[in-house]
Amino acid sequence: MKDKAPQRISAFDDFGFKAAVCSLHENVRDLYTSFNAPWVIGYSGGKDSSAVLQLVWTAISTLPEADRRVPIYIISTDTLVENPVVALWVMESLDKMEKVARVSGLPFFPHRLTPEVEDSFWVNLIGKGYPAPRPKFRWCTSRLKINPSNKFISEVIEKSGEAILALGMRKAESSMRARSMEKYEGAREKSQKYVENEYLTPNAGTPNSYVYTPIENWTNDDVWQYLLENNKTPWGSDNNELLDFYKGATKDRECPMAITTDTPSCGDSRFGCWVCTMVSQDKSMQAMIQNDEEKEWMLPLLKYRDSFDIKEDRERRDFRRINGRVQLYNDRAIHGPYWQEERKDLLRRLLQVQKEVQEKKPDSVPDLEIITIDELNEIRRIWNREKDEIEDYVPEIYENVFGRPFPYPQFDESAIIGRDELKILEEVCDGDTLHYQLVRGLISQEQKFRLMVRRSGLFDVLEQTIAKHYYEDEKDATDREKYFQEKKKEMEKRPEQIRLEDYIKRVNN
């Protein structure tokens, strides 16, 4: 007979709900008044971070004004691909917090953080051609969530020396989170410098910062009990509206604030990026659309997201890595970025989605940009400058979708070869994509150096361009790399007087 699963124990069982909450309020006040360092509260708009913020806000608001000297920063990281409904809720909440804190003289300072343009999801996916995120290549979390948060926290620490990070992490979220938090418990600060120091965990990723997790032992029911019994937040939001976001979801978990790569993927969360490919379906957005006709305008987003097939995308990706190298695994080329045609198609369909969403959304939803003009211009720069795709397709795609000129001027006024000439070159190459890319790349490099006073380095980049496009096709590239690896192994067994560089030259010739 199998053992029964252990029954979840409420954090309120021992002392009761009111006493437990009052004890946490006292704990917050003691830490705040004894630890002379700013606080940073991670706020995602979900239930856990909302509960932590409400606990801290309520506790601090009861302190005398003279004791409210230390700033408390509320940071919310907007990946720019968040579920639009949740993103709107968070933005409105931050606005309310800022106004109430200013009027009330409370030391809360909300900040909406976003990734740098070069780190944004669309710049990496469509611009650089990174394949859609997957378990073994989860490139998005650090760029979209961790980096903006850590940058802000580091700036606070640099200015103040130390900081406390108040997060809504809970052991009941998952077995992975429970193991992670138990590991951190063993590392908690033992110095007598701090009051109630057993509640602080040194943040290994960011020196001089300490993590505070006041609801770490709460269950899901505990969180909801607290939020619904205190449904009117101090900043004027209604937690009943928050509950509505969770209704119809199969997994009752929010997208946590990420400060390390150990943080669970947003794909396993209740709220996360609408374009996340870490799970097979976005059940939360599906539920929103199915349960509320007013949210049907998000259906194009869901269809676009479902069009990704990370298991069968080899044919849509270059057989070379992003640096042009051919790398083998089990004698097969490890495919790299999306081909140019695939990236063009991804951009065209994304802009069509943006246009459709802007036309269908209700008036209550402000102007919604799925991809910003700055991101489009960065994609344009990467295609033209880094990938030598000098056809300059971004303005054409934009104009075809929206029926208006691209707001930035011509990319390269000094270009002597335009798209018409490149079309002729493509026709001459007669379907030989690598040959076309080679000649186009050589032309691009020459144009970059054409107006320079000193053209040193030109021959090096021309040689690199030739090396990248040297192959006839994927099979030829794979066969050559296998041959080279075999000869390299033979070389290692030969007398040392034979230099590897000379041997490689003979192989290539």
Protein backbone atom coordinates (compact mmCIF):
# COMPACT_ATOMS: atom_id res chain seq x y z
CA MET A 1 0.00 0.00 0.00
CA LYS A 2 1.42 3.36 -1.04
CA ASP A 3 2.00 6.05 1.56
CA LYS A 4 -0.41 8.92 1.37
CA ALA A 5 0.96 12.22 0.21
CA PRO A 6 1.70 14.50 3.17
CA GLN A 7 -1.05 17.01 3.82
CA ARG A 8 -0.10 20.62 3.22
CA ILE A 9 0.16 22.57 6.44
CA SER A 10 -0.90 26.18 6.47
CA ALA A 11 1.59 28.73 7.75
CA PHE A 12 -1.29 30.11 9.82
CA ASP A 13 -2.08 26.88 11.74
CA ASP A 14 0.10 27.52 14.80
CA PHE A 15 -0.85 31.11 15.67
CA GLY A 16 -3.83 31.92 13.48
CA PHE A 17 -4.09 34.16 10.46
CA LYS A 18 -4.08 37.57 12.15
CA ALA A 19 -1.29 36.76 14.58
CA ALA A 20 0.91 35.29 11.84
CA VAL A 21 0.45 38.36 9.64
CA CYS A 22 1.10 40.73 12.56
CA SER A 23 4.28 38.82 13.33
CA LEU A 24 5.46 39.27 9.72
CA HIS A 25 4.67 42.99 9.89
CA GLU A 26 6.80 43.26 13.02
CA ASN A 27 9.58 41.31 11.35
CA VAL A 28 9.53 43.66 8.37
CA ARG A 29 9.67 46.73 10.58
CA ASP A 30 12.57 45.32 12.63
CA LEU A 31 14.60 44.51 9.51
CA TYR A 32 13.83 47.87 7.92
CA THR A 33 14.78 49.98 10.92
CA SER A 34 17.83 47.92 11.89
CA PHE A 35 19.39 47.29 8.49
CA ASN A 36 20.42 50.68 7.13
CA ALA A 37 20.32 49.71 3.47
CA PRO A 38 17.74 50.18 0.71
CA TRP A 39 15.23 47.47 -0.13
CA VAL A 40 14.40 46.14 -3.58
CA ILE A 41 11.06 44.36 -3.98
CA GLY A 42 10.56 42.24 -7.07
CA TYR A 43 7.02 42.76 -8.36
CA SER A 44 5.69 40.74 -11.29
CA GLY A 45 2.00 41.51 -10.77
CA GLY A 46 1.26 37.92 -9.78
CA LYS A 47 -0.13 36.70 -6.48
CA ASP A 48 3.14 35.94 -4.64
CA SER A 49 4.92 39.20 -5.39
CA SER A 50 1.68 41.11 -4.73
CA ALA A 51 1.40 39.49 -1.29
CA VAL A 52 5.00 40.37 -0.38
CA LEU A 53 4.65 43.97 -1.54
CA GLN A 54 1.37 44.39 0.31
CA LEU A 55 2.90 42.94 3.50
CA VAL A 56 5.90 45.28 3.35
CA TRP A 57 3.85 48.33 2.34
CA THR A 58 1.36 47.81 5.18
CA ALA A 59 4.12 47.29 7.74
CA ILE A 60 6.21 50.31 6.70
CA SER A 61 3.20 52.63 6.52
CA THR A 62 2.69 52.21 10.29
CA LEU A 63 6.19 53.46 11.13
CA PRO A 64 6.69 57.07 12.25
CA GLU A 65 7.74 59.34 9.43
CA ALA A 66 11.18 59.82 11.00
CA ASP A 67 11.83 56.07 10.73
CA ARG A 68 10.90 55.86 7.05
CA ARG A 69 14.27 57.05 5.79
CA VAL A 70 15.49 54.08 3.77
CA PRO A 71 14.18 53.88 0.17
CA ILE A 72 12.24 50.83 -0.98
CA TYR A 73 12.49 50.26 -4.72
CA ILE A 74 9.73 48.29 -6.41
CA ILE A 75 11.09 46.82 -9.62
CA SER A 76 9.03 45.10 -12.28
CA THR A 77 10.88 43.64 -15.24
CA ASP A 78 8.87 43.94 -18.44
CA THR A 79 10.35 41.57 -21.01
CA LEU A 80 8.35 43.42 -23.72
CA VAL A 81 6.75 40.09 -24.61
CA GLU A 82 4.62 39.74 -21.46
CA ASN A 83 0.99 38.70 -21.64
CA PRO A 84 -0.52 42.07 -22.69
CA VAL A 85 -3.36 41.96 -20.17
CA VAL A 86 -1.01 41.26 -17.29
CA ALA A 87 1.53 43.82 -18.55
CA LEU A 88 -1.22 46.46 -18.57
CA TRP A 89 -2.25 45.48 -15.03
CA VAL A 90 1.34 45.82 -13.82
CA MET A 91 1.87 49.21 -15.50
CA GLU A 92 -1.35 50.59 -14.03
CA SER A 93 -0.39 49.23 -10.60
CA LEU A 94 3.05 50.87 -10.77
CA ASP A 95 1.44 54.20 -11.66
CA LYS A 96 -0.92 53.91 -8.70
CA MET A 97 1.95 53.00 -6.36
CA GLU A 98 3.99 56.01 -7.45
CA LYS A 99 1.10 58.43 -6.91
CA VAL A 100 0.00 57.03 -3.53
CA ALA A 101 3.56 56.82 -2.20
CA ARG A 102 4.28 60.41 -3.20
CA VAL A 103 1.09 61.78 -1.64
CA SER A 104 1.50 59.69 1.53
CA GLY A 105 5.19 60.44 1.98
CA LEU A 106 6.10 56.75 1.91
CA PRO A 107 9.57 55.63 0.74
CA PHE A 108 8.33 53.43 -2.14
CA PHE A 109 9.78 54.08 -5.60
CA PRO A 110 8.37 51.95 -8.46
CA HIS A 111 10.53 51.22 -11.51
CA ARG A 112 9.59 49.45 -14.73
CA LEU A 113 12.69 47.75 -16.10
CA THR A 114 13.12 46.61 -19.69
CA PRO A 115 15.92 44.79 -21.51
CA GLU A 116 18.39 46.74 -23.61
CA VAL A 117 17.34 46.93 -27.25
CA GLU A 118 20.15 44.60 -28.30
CA ASP A 119 18.95 42.05 -25.71
CA SER A 120 15.26 42.12 -26.62
CA PHE A 121 13.46 38.96 -27.70
CA TRP A 122 12.73 40.06 -31.27
CA VAL A 123 16.20 41.48 -31.90
CA ASN A 124 17.72 38.13 -30.94
CA LEU A 125 15.12 35.92 -32.63
CA ILE A 126 14.52 37.87 -35.85
CA GLY A 127 17.62 40.04 -35.98
CA LYS A 128 20.38 37.64 -35.02
CA GLY A 129 18.34 34.59 -35.95
CA TYR A 130 18.59 32.78 -32.62
CA PRO A 131 16.28 29.75 -32.75
CA ALA A 132 13.20 29.96 -30.54
CA PRO A 133 14.13 29.14 -26.91
CA ARG A 134 14.18 25.48 -25.91
CA PRO A 135 15.28 23.50 -22.83
CA LYS A 136 18.88 23.14 -24.02
CA PHE A 137 19.13 26.68 -25.39
CA ARG A 138 17.18 28.95 -23.03
CA TRP A 139 18.83 32.17 -24.12
CA CYS A 140 15.93 34.45 -23.20
CA THR A 141 15.80 34.44 -19.38
CA SER A 142 19.16 36.08 -18.73
CA ARG A 143 18.73 38.71 -21.43
CA LEU A 144 15.11 39.63 -20.75
CA LYS A 145 14.75 39.23 -16.98
CA ILE A 146 17.97 38.61 -15.08
CA ASN A 147 20.18 41.26 -16.68
CA PRO A 148 17.81 44.25 -16.20
CA SER A 149 17.10 43.26 -12.58
CA ASN A 150 20.73 42.62 -11.69
CA LYS A 151 21.83 45.84 -13.35
CA PHE A 152 19.39 47.84 -11.25
CA ILE A 153 20.30 45.99 -8.04
CA SER A 154 24.02 46.45 -8.71
CA GLU A 155 23.52 50.19 -9.18
CA VAL A 156 21.67 50.39 -5.87
CA ILE A 157 24.45 48.47 -4.09
CA GLU A 158 27.15 50.57 -5.73
CA LYS A 159 25.47 53.70 -4.42
CA SER A 160 24.49 52.44 -0.96
CA GLY A 161 26.89 49.59 -0.22
CA GLU A 162 24.24 46.96 0.57
CA ALA A 163 20.65 46.03 -0.22
CA ILE A 164 17.86 43.69 0.85
CA LEU A 165 15.93 41.92 -1.92
CA ALA A 166 12.37 41.05 -0.87
CA LEU A 167 11.02 38.32 -3.14
CA GLY A 168 7.87 36.21 -3.33
CA MET A 169 9.65 32.86 -3.47
CA ARG A 170 7.81 29.95 -1.80
CA LYS A 171 8.75 26.34 -1.13
CA ALA A 172 5.27 25.20 -2.15
CA GLU A 173 5.74 26.53 -5.69
CA SER A 174 7.56 23.38 -6.81
CA SER A 175 9.89 20.65 -5.59
CA MET A 176 12.73 22.40 -7.47
CA ARG A 177 12.05 25.68 -5.69
CA ALA A 178 11.81 23.88 -2.32
CA ARG A 179 15.23 22.25 -2.82
CA SER A 180 16.74 25.54 -3.92
CA MET A 181 15.39 27.44 -0.93
CA GLU A 182 16.46 24.73 1.52
CA LYS A 183 19.98 25.02 0.13
CA TYR A 184 19.95 28.77 0.65
CA GLU A 185 18.65 28.40 4.18
CA GLY A 186 21.94 26.79 5.17
CA ALA A 187 23.82 29.84 3.95
CA ARG A 188 21.86 32.46 5.87
CA GLU A 189 23.80 35.24 7.47
CA LYS A 190 24.88 34.45 11.05
CA SER A 191 26.43 37.82 11.86
CA GLN A 192 25.10 39.56 14.98
CA LYS A 193 25.15 42.79 13.02
CA TYR A 194 21.57 42.27 11.90
CA VAL A 195 18.32 42.02 13.79
CA GLU A 196 16.35 38.86 12.96
CA ASN A 197 19.28 37.78 10.80
CA GLU A 198 17.87 34.27 10.42
CA TYR A 199 15.50 35.68 7.82
CA LEU A 200 18.24 36.90 5.47
CA THR A 201 20.07 34.83 2.88
CA PRO A 202 23.28 36.14 1.28
CA ASN A 203 22.75 36.49 -2.45
CA ALA A 204 25.68 34.59 -3.97
CA GLY A 205 25.11 36.12 -7.40
CA THR A 206 25.28 39.72 -6.17
CA PRO A 207 27.71 40.47 -3.32
CA ASN A 208 26.51 42.70 -0.48
CA SER A 209 22.87 41.86 -1.09
CA TYR A 210 20.59 39.72 1.07
CA VAL A 211 17.43 37.91 0.04
CA TYR A 212 14.36 38.15 2.25
CA THR A 213 11.50 35.73 1.55
CA PRO A 214 8.75 36.47 4.08
CA ILE A 215 6.15 34.07 2.61
CA GLU A 216 8.51 31.18 1.88
CA ASN A 217 6.44 28.76 4.02
CA TRP A 218 3.03 29.86 2.73
CA THR A 219 0.87 27.57 0.62
CA ASN A 220 -1.14 28.73 -2.39
CA ASP A 221 -4.23 28.87 -0.16
CA ASP A 222 -2.35 30.99 2.38
CA VAL A 223 -1.45 33.50 -0.32
CA TRP A 224 -5.02 33.77 -1.57
CA GLN A 225 -6.42 33.99 1.95
CA TYR A 226 -4.16 36.92 2.69
CA LEU A 227 -4.90 38.70 -0.60
CA LEU A 228 -8.68 38.24 -0.45
CA GLU A 229 -9.01 39.15 3.21
CA ASN A 230 -7.03 42.29 2.36
CA ASN A 231 -8.46 42.67 -1.11
CA LYS A 232 -8.02 46.45 -1.29
CA THR A 233 -4.30 47.10 -1.69
CA PRO A 234 -2.69 50.15 -0.04
CA TRP A 235 -2.03 51.58 -3.51
CA GLY A 236 -5.62 51.27 -4.67
CA SER A 237 -5.77 48.03 -6.69
CA ASP A 238 -8.28 45.25 -6.11
CA ASN A 239 -7.01 41.73 -5.46
CA ASN A 240 -10.30 40.33 -6.72
CA GLU A 241 -9.21 41.47 -10.18
CA LEU A 242 -5.96 39.62 -9.66
CA LEU A 243 -7.92 36.49 -8.82
CA ASP A 244 -9.78 36.84 -12.12
CA PHE A 245 -6.45 36.51 -13.96
CA TYR A 246 -5.90 33.12 -12.39
CA LYS A 247 -9.35 31.67 -13.02
CA GLY A 248 -9.42 28.99 -15.68
CA ALA A 249 -5.67 28.31 -15.47
CA THR A 250 -4.38 24.77 -15.07
CA LYS A 251 -1.29 25.80 -13.11
CA ASP A 252 -1.71 28.37 -10.38
CA ARG A 253 1.76 29.90 -10.44
CA GLU A 254 3.07 33.25 -11.50
CA CYS A 255 6.19 34.10 -13.47
CA PRO A 256 8.71 34.83 -10.69
CA MET A 257 11.24 37.61 -10.66
CA ALA A 258 14.43 36.00 -11.96
CA ILE A 259 17.75 36.89 -10.36
CA THR A 260 19.58 33.63 -11.18
CA THR A 261 19.39 30.97 -13.88
CA ASP A 262 18.02 28.57 -11.20
CA THR A 263 14.71 30.38 -11.40
CA PRO A 264 12.07 28.12 -13.01
CA SER A 265 11.17 28.92 -16.59
CA CYS A 266 8.29 31.30 -17.14
CA GLY A 267 6.87 28.60 -19.40
CA ASP A 268 5.85 26.66 -16.28
CA SER A 269 4.20 29.69 -14.74
CA ARG A 270 0.74 31.15 -14.65
CA PHE A 271 1.85 34.47 -16.08
CA GLY A 272 4.76 34.77 -18.45
CA CYS A 273 5.86 35.70 -21.94
CA TRP A 274 3.10 35.22 -24.47
CA VAL A 275 5.61 33.96 -27.04
CA CYS A 276 7.29 31.43 -24.71
CA THR A 277 8.21 28.17 -26.46
CA MET A 278 9.36 26.36 -23.32
CA VAL A 279 5.95 24.64 -23.13
CA SER A 280 3.75 23.15 -25.81
CA GLN A 281 0.78 25.44 -25.10
CA ASP A 282 0.10 28.79 -23.47
CA LYS A 283 -2.83 27.60 -21.40
CA SER A 284 -3.18 30.85 -19.48
CA MET A 285 -3.74 32.94 -22.63
CA GLN A 286 -6.02 30.25 -24.03
CA ALA A 287 -8.10 30.42 -20.85
CA MET A 288 -8.29 34.22 -20.99
CA ILE A 289 -9.54 34.14 -24.58
CA GLN A 290 -12.03 31.33 -23.96
CA ASN A 291 -13.45 32.84 -20.78
CA ASP A 292 -13.78 36.44 -21.92
CA GLU A 293 -14.97 37.57 -25.35
CA GLU A 294 -13.36 40.96 -24.76
CA LYS A 295 -9.95 39.26 -24.84
CA GLU A 296 -10.40 37.60 -28.23
CA TRP A 297 -8.23 40.34 -29.72
CA MET A 298 -5.24 38.39 -28.33
CA LEU A 299 -5.99 35.38 -30.56
CA PRO A 300 -3.49 36.48 -33.28
CA LEU A 301 -0.75 36.44 -30.63
CA LEU A 302 -1.66 32.90 -29.66
CA LYS A 303 -1.65 31.73 -33.28
CA TYR A 304 1.74 33.32 -33.93
CA ARG A 305 3.20 31.70 -30.85
CA ASP A 306 1.77 28.29 -31.82
CA SER A 307 3.40 28.53 -35.26
CA PHE A 308 6.83 27.79 -33.76
CA ASP A 309 7.93 24.17 -34.00
CA ILE A 310 11.20 23.87 -32.13
CA LYS A 311 11.38 20.09 -32.69
CA GLU A 312 11.29 20.34 -36.49
CA ASP A 313 13.10 23.53 -37.42
CA ARG A 314 16.44 22.27 -38.76
CA GLU A 315 15.50 23.03 -42.36
CA ARG A 316 14.73 26.63 -41.43
CA ARG A 317 18.16 27.16 -39.87
CA ASP A 318 21.63 27.63 -41.30
CA PHE A 319 23.95 24.60 -41.05
CA ARG A 320 26.65 26.99 -39.82
CA ARG A 321 26.81 28.52 -36.37
CA ILE A 322 26.24 32.25 -35.96
CA ASN A 323 30.01 32.87 -36.29
CA GLY A 324 30.11 30.98 -39.60
CA ARG A 325 31.83 27.86 -38.24
CA VAL A 326 30.65 24.34 -38.98
CA GLN A 327 30.37 22.31 -35.79
CA LEU A 328 29.50 18.62 -35.69
CA TYR A 329 27.73 16.46 -33.14
CA ASN A 330 27.52 12.75 -33.88
CA ASP A 331 28.76 13.56 -37.41
CA ARG A 332 25.85 15.95 -38.03
CA ALA A 333 26.10 19.71 -38.36
CA ILE A 334 24.72 21.61 -35.38
CA HIS A 335 22.34 24.03 -37.03
CA GLY A 336 22.62 27.69 -36.09
CA PRO A 337 20.52 30.80 -36.79
CA TYR A 338 17.41 31.01 -38.95
CA TRP A 339 17.98 31.52 -42.66
CA GLN A 340 17.29 34.97 -44.08
CA GLU A 341 13.98 33.96 -45.68
CA GLU A 342 12.73 32.52 -42.40
CA ARG A 343 13.64 35.70 -40.51
CA LYS A 344 11.91 37.82 -43.13
CA ASP A 345 8.80 35.67 -42.80
CA LEU A 346 8.89 35.87 -39.00
CA LEU A 347 9.08 39.67 -39.17
CA ARG A 348 6.36 39.98 -41.80
CA ARG A 349 3.94 37.80 -39.84
CA LEU A 350 4.76 39.57 -36.56
CA LEU A 351 3.99 42.98 -38.03
CA GLN A 352 0.74 41.60 -39.45
CA VAL A 353 -0.13 40.38 -35.95
CA GLN A 354 0.65 43.82 -34.55
CA LYS A 355 -1.58 45.49 -37.10
CA GLU A 356 -4.44 43.05 -36.47
CA VAL A 357 -4.18 43.38 -32.68
CA GLN A 358 -4.12 47.18 -32.88
CA GLU A 359 -7.28 47.13 -35.00
CA LYS A 360 -9.18 44.63 -32.81
CA LYS A 361 -8.20 45.63 -29.28
CA PRO A 362 -10.80 47.47 -27.18
CA ASP A 363 -10.43 51.17 -26.47
CA SER A 364 -9.62 50.36 -22.85
CA VAL A 365 -6.31 48.87 -23.98
CA PRO A 366 -3.76 51.60 -24.81
CA ASP A 367 -1.72 51.60 -28.01
CA LEU A 368 0.03 48.25 -28.11
CA GLU A 369 3.39 47.74 -29.80
CA ILE A 370 4.30 44.09 -30.19
CA ILE A 371 7.67 45.20 -31.55
CA THR A 372 9.01 48.74 -31.19
CA ILE A 373 10.48 50.94 -33.89
CA ASP A 374 13.82 50.89 -32.06
CA GLU A 375 13.83 47.08 -32.19
CA LEU A 376 13.02 47.17 -35.90
CA ASN A 377 15.88 49.56 -36.54
CA GLU A 378 18.28 47.36 -34.57
CA ILE A 379 17.13 44.34 -36.59
CA ARG A 380 17.76 46.37 -39.71
CA ARG A 381 21.28 47.23 -38.54
CA ILE A 382 22.11 43.59 -37.73
CA TRP A 383 20.84 42.36 -41.08
CA ASN A 384 22.74 45.02 -43.01
CA ARG A 385 25.95 45.35 -41.02
CA GLU A 386 26.50 42.06 -39.23
CA LYS A 387 24.93 39.64 -41.68
CA ASP A 388 25.81 41.57 -44.86
CA GLU A 389 22.17 41.36 -46.02
CA ILE A 390 22.42 44.67 -47.83
CA GLU A 391 19.07 44.29 -49.61
CA ASP A 392 17.68 46.27 -46.63
CA TYR A 393 14.36 44.43 -46.41
CA VAL A 394 13.06 45.83 -43.10
CA PRO A 395 11.62 49.10 -44.56
CA GLU A 396 10.00 47.18 -47.43
CA ILE A 397 8.34 44.66 -45.09
CA TYR A 398 7.16 47.46 -42.79
CA GLU A 399 5.69 49.51 -45.63
CA ASN A 400 3.95 46.50 -47.18
CA VAL A 401 2.21 45.67 -43.89
CA PHE A 402 1.30 49.14 -42.60
CA GLY A 403 1.04 51.08 -45.85
CA ARG A 404 3.27 53.89 -44.60
CA PRO A 405 7.00 54.66 -44.92
CA PHE A 406 9.45 53.27 -42.42
CA PRO A 407 10.19 56.18 -40.03
CA TYR A 408 13.97 55.94 -40.32
CA PRO A 409 15.91 57.23 -43.36
CA GLN A 410 17.72 55.11 -45.92
CA PHE A 411 20.25 52.92 -44.16
CA ASP A 412 23.30 53.61 -46.29
CA GLU A 413 23.21 56.68 -48.52
CA SER A 414 26.67 55.85 -49.90
CA ALA A 415 25.77 52.37 -51.16
CA ILE A 416 26.73 51.94 -54.81
CA ILE A 417 24.80 48.67 -55.25
CA GLY A 418 21.12 48.55 -54.39
CA ARG A 419 18.38 45.94 -54.31
CA ASP A 420 17.81 46.02 -58.10
CA GLU A 421 21.44 45.12 -58.78
CA LEU A 422 21.31 42.41 -56.10
CA LYS A 423 18.25 40.87 -57.77
CA ILE A 424 20.24 40.60 -60.99
CA LEU A 425 23.08 38.98 -59.04
CA GLU A 426 20.63 36.50 -57.50
CA GLU A 427 19.30 35.60 -60.96
CA VAL A 428 22.85 35.06 -62.24
CA CYS A 429 23.57 32.73 -59.29
CA ASP A 430 20.55 30.67 -60.43
CA GLY A 431 19.46 29.32 -57.05
CA ASP A 432 22.96 28.81 -55.63
CA THR A 433 22.29 30.50 -52.27
CA LEU A 434 25.81 30.16 -50.88
CA HIS A 435 27.35 31.60 -54.05
CA TYR A 436 24.98 34.55 -53.92
CA GLN A 437 25.72 35.11 -50.21
CA LEU A 438 29.47 35.00 -50.93
CA VAL A 439 29.41 37.68 -53.63
CA ARG A 440 26.92 39.80 -51.68
CA GLY A 441 29.14 39.52 -48.59
CA LEU A 442 32.22 40.60 -50.51
CA ILE A 443 30.32 43.60 -51.92
CA SER A 444 29.08 44.50 -48.44
CA GLN A 445 32.57 44.43 -46.96
CA GLU A 446 33.93 46.54 -49.78
CA GLN A 447 31.16 49.12 -49.25
CA LYS A 448 31.96 49.30 -45.52
CA PHE A 449 35.60 50.10 -46.24
CA ARG A 450 35.03 52.27 -49.33
CA LEU A 451 34.92 55.65 -47.55
CA MET A 452 37.60 54.89 -44.96
CA VAL A 453 40.86 56.80 -45.12
CA ARG A 454 42.80 53.70 -44.01
CA ARG A 455 41.48 50.42 -45.36
CA SER A 456 43.62 48.18 -43.18
CA GLY A 457 41.80 44.99 -42.28
CA LEU A 458 39.88 44.75 -45.55
CA PHE A 459 41.72 41.67 -46.78
CA ASP A 460 41.15 39.95 -43.45
CA VAL A 461 37.38 40.40 -43.56
CA LEU A 462 37.28 39.38 -47.23
CA GLU A 463 39.12 36.19 -46.34
CA GLN A 464 36.70 35.53 -43.48
CA THR A 465 33.75 36.05 -45.82
CA ILE A 466 35.17 33.58 -48.33
CA ALA A 467 35.83 31.01 -45.60
CA LYS A 468 32.23 31.26 -44.35
CA HIS A 469 30.74 30.64 -47.81
CA TYR A 470 33.34 28.22 -49.12
CA TYR A 471 31.04 25.16 -49.16
CA GLU A 472 28.74 23.88 -51.87
CA ASP A 473 26.06 22.82 -49.41
CA GLU A 474 25.53 21.29 -45.95
CA LYS A 475 26.79 17.85 -47.02
CA ASP A 476 29.98 19.35 -48.44
CA ALA A 477 30.52 21.35 -45.24
CA THR A 478 29.92 18.29 -43.04
CA ASP A 479 32.23 16.08 -45.10
CA ARG A 480 35.01 18.68 -45.04
CA GLU A 481 34.72 19.16 -41.27
CA LYS A 482 34.82 15.39 -40.68
CA TYR A 483 37.85 15.11 -42.97
CA PHE A 484 39.58 17.96 -41.16
CA GLN A 485 38.93 16.41 -37.74
CA GLU A 486 40.32 13.07 -38.91
CA LYS A 487 43.46 14.71 -40.28
CA LYS A 488 43.84 16.70 -37.10
CA LYS A 489 43.84 13.47 -35.08
CA GLU A 490 46.47 12.02 -37.42
CA MET A 491 48.51 15.17 -37.05
CA GLU A 492 48.59 14.78 -33.28
CA LYS A 493 50.36 11.43 -33.74
CA ARG A 494 52.99 12.76 -36.19
CA PRO A 495 56.43 14.17 -35.34
CA GLU A 496 56.37 17.61 -33.78
CA GLN A 497 58.46 19.11 -36.55
CA ILE A 498 55.36 19.12 -38.82
CA ARG A 499 53.53 22.29 -37.97
CA LEU A 500 49.73 22.14 -37.86
CA GLU A 501 49.37 25.47 -39.67
CA ASP A 502 51.31 24.23 -42.69
CA TYR A 503 49.33 21.01 -42.79
CA ILE A 504 46.00 22.87 -42.70
CA LYS A 505 47.11 25.00 -45.63
CA ARG A 506 47.92 21.90 -47.65
CA VAL A 507 44.53 20.36 -46.81
CA ASN A 508 42.68 23.50 -47.90
CA ASN A 509 44.65 23.70 -51.15
